[in-house]
Amino acid sequence: GGKDAGGEKKEAKGGNSVNVRHILCEKQSKCLEALEKIKAGGKFNEIAAQYSEDKARSGGSLGWMTRGSMVGPFQDAAFALPVSSLGNPVYTDPPVKTKFGYHIIMVEGKK
């Protein structure tokens, strides 16, 4: 681990990019159903493959996203979350609403 030194003007709060995984559903009811599955012990990536309407094939992983490349509410939530792992995920509950639908977001890394 450790913060890698050598970045241009890192004046942003809490880093400039996040390694994000999410489950996106157009309907809130479907998203809440996915959330219940995770709470019941389901693996985030498996639930994403089952429920997500975006990036489902990659288990919901969006990879590294830089600040400014995500829609507002999604970005705010992503940067507010602590880093967690699939084995013990910390995710947005309730889901975050954006123009795309409802997202359950977790963050696997920050830099």
Protein backbone atom coordinates (compact mmCIF):
# COMPACT_ATOMS: atom_id res chain seq x y z
CA GLY A 1 0.00 0.00 0.00
CA GLY A 2 1.11 3.52 0.76
CA LYS A 3 0.32 6.67 -1.16
CA ASP A 4 2.34 6.93 -4.33
CA ALA A 5 4.12 10.25 -4.39
CA GLY A 6 4.48 12.25 -7.56
CA GLY A 7 1.16 13.52 -8.86
CA GLU A 8 0.46 16.92 -10.33
CA LYS A 9 -1.40 19.20 -7.94
CA LYS A 10 -3.19 16.76 -5.66
CA GLU A 11 -5.27 19.44 -3.99
CA ALA A 12 -8.47 17.43 -4.10
CA LYS A 13 -9.97 16.13 -0.90
CA GLY A 14 -9.59 12.41 -0.45
CA GLY A 15 -7.77 11.62 -3.68
CA ASN A 16 -8.57 11.99 -7.33
CA SER A 17 -9.71 8.57 -8.40
CA VAL A 18 -11.59 5.61 -7.04
CA ASN A 19 -11.75 1.98 -8.08
CA VAL A 20 -15.51 1.55 -8.19
CA ARG A 21 -17.88 -1.37 -8.43
CA HIS A 22 -21.61 -0.84 -8.70
CA ILE A 23 -24.96 -2.41 -9.38
CA LEU A 24 -27.22 -0.27 -11.53
CA CYS A 25 -30.94 -0.88 -11.86
CA GLU A 26 -33.42 1.37 -13.62
CA LYS A 27 -36.14 0.48 -11.15
CA GLN A 28 -35.75 1.17 -7.45
CA SER A 29 -37.58 -2.02 -6.51
CA LYS A 30 -35.07 -4.16 -8.40
CA CYS A 31 -32.16 -2.28 -6.85
CA LEU A 32 -33.56 -2.77 -3.35
CA GLU A 33 -33.97 -6.46 -4.09
CA ALA A 34 -30.28 -6.63 -5.03
CA LEU A 35 -29.43 -4.78 -1.83
CA GLU A 36 -31.33 -7.34 0.24
CA LYS A 37 -29.39 -10.13 -1.48
CA ILE A 38 -26.09 -8.50 -0.51
CA LYS A 39 -27.28 -7.99 3.06
CA ALA A 40 -28.17 -11.68 3.17
CA GLY A 41 -24.55 -12.51 2.43
CA GLY A 42 -24.50 -12.56 -1.35
CA LYS A 43 -21.23 -11.59 -3.07
CA PHE A 44 -21.38 -8.10 -4.55
CA ASN A 45 -19.90 -9.20 -7.89
CA GLU A 46 -22.32 -12.13 -8.21
CA ILE A 47 -25.32 -9.96 -7.39
CA ALA A 48 -24.05 -7.42 -9.93
CA ALA A 49 -23.84 -10.13 -12.59
CA GLN A 50 -27.43 -11.07 -11.78
CA TYR A 51 -29.03 -7.66 -11.32
CA SER A 52 -26.93 -4.89 -12.77
CA GLU A 53 -27.98 -3.32 -16.05
CA ASP A 54 -24.48 -1.93 -16.51
CA LYS A 55 -21.10 -3.71 -16.48
CA ALA A 56 -22.80 -6.88 -15.32
CA ARG A 57 -20.27 -9.11 -17.07
CA SER A 58 -17.40 -7.63 -15.08
CA GLY A 59 -19.18 -8.10 -11.75
CA GLY A 60 -20.15 -4.45 -11.66
CA SER A 61 -16.57 -3.20 -11.80
CA LEU A 62 -16.06 0.19 -13.45
CA GLY A 63 -12.35 0.17 -12.68
CA TRP A 64 -10.56 3.41 -11.85
CA MET A 65 -12.76 6.45 -12.29
CA THR A 66 -11.34 9.96 -11.98
CA ARG A 67 -13.01 12.85 -10.22
CA GLY A 68 -15.16 14.67 -12.76
CA SER A 69 -15.85 11.61 -14.91
CA MET A 70 -18.86 10.45 -12.88
CA VAL A 71 -22.32 11.95 -12.45
CA GLY A 72 -22.60 14.15 -9.34
CA PRO A 73 -24.54 11.99 -6.85
CA PHE A 74 -22.57 8.89 -7.89
CA GLN A 75 -19.25 10.68 -7.50
CA ASP A 76 -20.19 12.15 -4.12
CA ALA A 77 -21.16 8.72 -2.84
CA ALA A 78 -18.09 7.02 -4.25
CA PHE A 79 -15.66 9.45 -2.65
CA ALA A 80 -17.54 9.34 0.65
CA LEU A 81 -17.31 5.54 0.94
CA PRO A 82 -14.42 3.86 2.70
CA VAL A 83 -12.33 1.37 0.74
CA SER A 84 -13.66 -2.15 1.23
CA SER A 85 -13.39 -5.59 -0.33
CA LEU A 86 -15.79 -8.08 -1.90
CA GLY A 87 -15.34 -10.25 1.17
CA ASN A 88 -16.55 -7.48 3.47
CA PRO A 89 -18.12 -4.74 1.33
CA VAL A 90 -19.20 -1.29 2.49
CA TYR A 91 -21.81 0.00 0.06
CA THR A 92 -24.39 2.73 -0.36
CA ASP A 93 -27.58 2.00 1.53
CA PRO A 94 -30.04 3.30 0.45
CA PRO A 95 -29.05 3.18 -3.23
CA VAL A 96 -27.96 6.39 -4.93
CA LYS A 97 -30.32 7.84 -7.53
CA THR A 98 -28.90 9.36 -10.73
CA LYS A 99 -30.29 10.04 -14.18
CA PHE A 100 -29.31 6.44 -15.05
CA GLY A 101 -31.31 4.82 -12.27
CA TYR A 102 -30.40 3.49 -8.85
CA HIS A 103 -26.88 2.47 -7.91
CA ILE A 104 -25.45 0.35 -5.12
CA ILE A 105 -21.84 1.48 -5.01
CA MET A 106 -18.74 0.08 -3.34
CA VAL A 107 -15.15 1.29 -3.56
CA GLU A 108 -12.20 -1.09 -3.81
CA GLY A 109 -9.44 1.48 -3.91
CA LYS A 110 -8.57 5.19 -3.83
CA LYS A 111 -5.59 7.13 -5.11
